[in-house]
Amino acid sequence: MVKIGFIVEGDCEKMLLSSEMFFEFLQANNLELVDEIINAKGKDNLNRPSTESYAQILRNQGAEWIIILRDQEHEPCITSVKTQTIYADDIKVFVAVRMLETWFLADSETLSTLFRSDFFFHYPEQDLNPAETLKSLYIQHRGRGIDDKKKFTNLMLGKGFSIERAAAHPNCPSAHYFLTKLQTLASAN
């Protein structure tokens, strides 16, 4: 088993990576999560000395690889996002194009269950504000809104959200890249 540790941008990313579905993916791919997932509490905190301290905590817990998961938001490209994040030989930075909610838009099965009708979002990574889009879709399909991103993340996880299904979407390459690279880390040992 390859031991990995995560530093994430916020609460929703931590919730997702703490889910049973993600834990099962890790186990199936010979990956072991160290004791904690560290929430940096904002993208601006991912290039600060405190993040190096977080990385050291994960190393002390036995992490062979440290994975940073963050959003692109309105940055011009993934490369610019990565240059704003700490770097070390044992750190890999993964970027959810736009934001984590893009991956939610890509999981048609979970959204179909949530919306109680067949649903498919064609270009999730092209949506400029997937959180707002999900809020609007929820109002449209369920007649009420959810303003809190953490509540919506809990709802998606409760309905069975899977990064693997998001990664299988033909137009969600950032989720696919994330899972593929994790599998590569495991197979490299």
Protein backbone atom coordinates (compact mmCIF):
# COMPACT_ATOMS: atom_id res chain seq x y z
CA MET A 1 0.00 0.00 0.00
CA VAL A 2 1.19 3.46 -0.89
CA LYS A 3 0.51 5.97 1.88
CA ILE A 4 -0.87 9.32 0.77
CA GLY A 5 -1.94 12.46 2.56
CA PHE A 6 -4.20 15.25 1.38
CA ILE A 7 -4.20 18.99 1.84
CA VAL A 8 -7.37 20.54 0.45
CA GLU A 9 -8.61 24.03 -0.22
CA GLY A 10 -11.78 23.86 1.83
CA ASP A 11 -14.53 22.06 3.68
CA CYS A 12 -16.27 20.55 0.63
CA GLU A 13 -13.08 18.98 -0.72
CA LYS A 14 -12.38 17.51 2.71
CA MET A 15 -15.91 16.11 2.91
CA LEU A 16 -15.56 14.51 -0.52
CA LEU A 17 -12.20 12.90 0.20
CA SER A 18 -13.46 11.71 3.60
CA SER A 19 -16.38 9.87 2.00
CA GLU A 20 -16.78 6.10 2.08
CA MET A 21 -16.90 5.97 -1.74
CA PHE A 22 -13.52 7.67 -2.02
CA PHE A 23 -12.05 5.48 0.73
CA GLU A 24 -13.18 2.41 -1.24
CA PHE A 25 -11.54 3.80 -4.39
CA LEU A 26 -8.27 4.25 -2.50
CA GLN A 27 -8.35 0.72 -1.10
CA ALA A 28 -9.17 -0.78 -4.51
CA ASN A 29 -6.14 1.01 -5.93
CA ASN A 30 -3.63 0.04 -3.24
CA LEU A 31 -3.61 3.48 -1.65
CA GLU A 32 -3.79 4.15 2.07
CA LEU A 33 -4.85 7.47 3.52
CA VAL A 34 -2.78 8.70 6.46
CA ASP A 35 -4.57 9.82 9.62
CA GLU A 36 -6.04 13.11 8.51
CA ILE A 37 -7.06 15.24 5.56
CA ILE A 38 -5.87 18.77 6.19
CA ASN A 39 -8.14 21.68 5.30
CA ALA A 40 -6.02 24.74 4.42
CA LYS A 41 -9.18 26.89 4.75
CA GLY A 42 -8.83 28.74 1.46
CA LYS A 43 -6.81 28.69 -1.75
CA ASP A 44 -4.69 31.61 -0.61
CA ASN A 45 -3.35 29.44 2.20
CA LEU A 46 -1.89 26.83 -0.16
CA ASN A 47 1.33 28.74 -0.79
CA ARG A 48 2.12 29.81 2.72
CA PRO A 49 4.69 28.48 5.18
CA SER A 50 1.80 26.91 7.11
CA THR A 51 1.14 24.60 4.16
CA GLU A 52 4.72 23.34 4.34
CA SER A 53 4.01 22.64 8.02
CA TYR A 54 0.87 20.74 7.01
CA ALA A 55 2.91 18.72 4.50
CA GLN A 56 5.41 17.87 7.23
CA ILE A 57 2.59 16.67 9.50
CA LEU A 58 1.48 14.30 6.75
CA ARG A 59 5.07 13.13 6.15
CA ASN A 60 5.39 12.45 9.90
CA GLN A 61 2.25 10.30 9.64
CA GLY A 62 3.98 8.24 6.95
CA ALA A 63 2.71 9.85 3.74
CA GLU A 64 4.89 8.96 0.78
CA TRP A 65 2.95 11.38 -1.41
CA ILE A 66 1.13 14.56 -0.48
CA ILE A 67 -1.78 15.48 -2.70
CA ILE A 68 -3.11 19.01 -2.84
CA LEU A 69 -6.61 19.40 -4.27
CA ARG A 70 -7.78 22.88 -5.12
CA ASP A 71 -10.05 24.80 -7.49
CA GLN A 72 -9.05 26.73 -10.59
CA GLU A 73 -11.87 29.23 -10.16
CA HIS A 74 -11.15 32.19 -12.44
CA GLU A 75 -7.43 31.71 -12.93
CA PRO A 76 -6.47 31.64 -16.62
CA CYS A 77 -5.02 28.11 -16.62
CA ILE A 78 -4.12 25.13 -14.46
CA THR A 79 -0.41 25.95 -14.67
CA SER A 80 -0.95 29.36 -13.09
CA VAL A 81 -2.87 27.71 -10.26
CA LYS A 82 -0.06 25.21 -9.67
CA THR A 83 2.55 27.97 -9.51
CA GLN A 84 0.55 29.56 -6.68
CA THR A 85 0.78 26.37 -4.63
CA ILE A 86 3.67 25.00 -2.59
CA TYR A 87 6.02 22.63 -4.34
CA ALA A 88 8.20 19.72 -3.25
CA ASP A 89 9.27 16.45 -4.88
CA ASP A 90 6.69 14.50 -2.88
CA ILE A 91 3.80 16.92 -3.52
CA LYS A 92 1.34 16.58 -6.40
CA VAL A 93 -1.14 19.39 -7.09
CA PHE A 94 -4.50 18.56 -8.68
CA VAL A 95 -6.90 21.19 -9.89
CA ALA A 96 -10.66 20.83 -10.23
CA VAL A 97 -11.35 22.91 -13.32
CA ARG A 98 -13.41 25.88 -12.20
CA MET A 99 -14.35 24.32 -8.88
CA LEU A 100 -15.27 21.07 -7.18
CA GLU A 101 -18.94 21.54 -8.13
CA THR A 102 -17.91 20.87 -11.74
CA TRP A 103 -17.38 17.27 -10.71
CA PHE A 104 -20.89 17.24 -9.24
CA LEU A 105 -22.30 18.42 -12.58
CA ALA A 106 -20.46 15.53 -14.26
CA ASP A 107 -22.08 12.80 -12.14
CA SER A 108 -25.29 12.34 -14.11
CA GLU A 109 -26.42 9.32 -12.10
CA THR A 110 -26.38 11.15 -8.77
CA LEU A 111 -28.00 14.27 -10.22
CA SER A 112 -30.69 12.15 -11.89
CA THR A 113 -31.46 10.62 -8.49
CA LEU A 114 -31.42 14.02 -6.81
CA PHE A 115 -33.56 15.70 -9.47
CA ARG A 116 -35.87 12.68 -9.84
CA SER A 117 -35.49 12.70 -13.63
CA ASP A 118 -32.88 11.84 -16.23
CA PHE A 119 -30.18 14.47 -16.22
CA PHE A 120 -26.99 15.04 -18.20
CA PHE A 121 -24.89 18.21 -18.20
CA HIS A 122 -22.90 18.28 -21.43
CA TYR A 123 -19.96 20.55 -20.62
CA PRO A 124 -19.40 20.77 -16.85
CA GLU A 125 -15.89 22.22 -17.07
CA GLN A 126 -17.03 25.04 -19.33
CA ASP A 127 -19.55 26.33 -16.80
CA LEU A 128 -18.19 29.55 -15.31
CA ASN A 129 -19.98 29.14 -11.97
CA PRO A 130 -20.99 25.52 -11.37
CA ALA A 131 -22.06 26.22 -7.77
CA GLU A 132 -24.64 28.75 -8.99
CA THR A 133 -25.69 26.42 -11.81
CA LEU A 134 -26.31 23.60 -9.33
CA LYS A 135 -28.29 25.93 -7.10
CA SER A 136 -30.47 26.99 -10.06
CA LEU A 137 -30.92 23.40 -11.22
CA TYR A 138 -31.95 22.32 -7.74
CA ILE A 139 -34.59 25.06 -7.62
CA GLN A 140 -35.76 24.12 -11.12
CA HIS A 141 -36.05 20.39 -10.39
CA ARG A 142 -36.96 20.37 -6.70
CA GLY A 143 -38.74 23.70 -6.26
CA ARG A 144 -36.47 24.93 -3.49
CA GLY A 145 -32.90 26.06 -3.08
CA ILE A 146 -29.82 25.16 -1.13
CA ASP A 147 -27.52 28.12 -0.54
CA ASP A 148 -24.89 26.38 1.56
CA LYS A 149 -22.13 24.57 -0.39
CA LYS A 150 -21.43 22.18 2.50
CA LYS A 151 -25.10 21.18 2.70
CA PHE A 152 -25.14 20.57 -1.05
CA THR A 153 -21.95 18.49 -0.81
CA ASN A 154 -23.56 16.43 1.99
CA LEU A 155 -26.64 15.98 -0.17
CA MET A 156 -24.57 14.81 -3.16
CA LEU A 157 -22.58 12.39 -0.99
CA GLY A 158 -25.80 11.11 0.59
CA LYS A 159 -27.22 10.40 -2.87
CA GLY A 160 -24.10 8.45 -3.84
CA PHE A 161 -21.83 10.94 -5.60
CA SER A 162 -18.82 9.23 -7.12
CA ILE A 163 -15.66 10.86 -8.45
CA GLU A 164 -15.32 7.76 -10.63
CA ARG A 165 -18.62 8.55 -12.38
CA ALA A 166 -17.60 12.19 -12.75
CA ALA A 167 -14.28 11.03 -14.23
CA ALA A 168 -16.16 8.87 -16.73
CA HIS A 169 -18.00 11.92 -18.10
CA PRO A 170 -16.64 12.70 -21.59
CA ASN A 171 -16.18 16.39 -20.74
CA CYS A 172 -14.75 16.30 -17.23
CA PRO A 173 -11.05 15.62 -17.77
CA SER A 174 -9.91 17.11 -14.44
CA ALA A 175 -11.74 14.39 -12.46
CA HIS A 176 -10.37 11.73 -14.79
CA TYR A 177 -6.85 13.13 -14.46
CA PHE A 178 -7.14 13.21 -10.66
CA LEU A 179 -8.11 9.53 -10.39
CA THR A 180 -5.69 8.36 -13.08
CA LYS A 181 -2.75 10.09 -11.42
CA LEU A 182 -3.67 8.60 -8.05
CA GLN A 183 -3.71 5.15 -9.65
CA THR A 184 -0.31 5.90 -11.21
CA LEU A 185 1.17 6.76 -7.81
CA ALA A 186 0.05 3.37 -6.51
CA SER A 187 1.33 1.43 -9.50
CA ALA A 188 4.72 3.16 -9.49
CA ASN A 189 5.73 1.37 -6.28
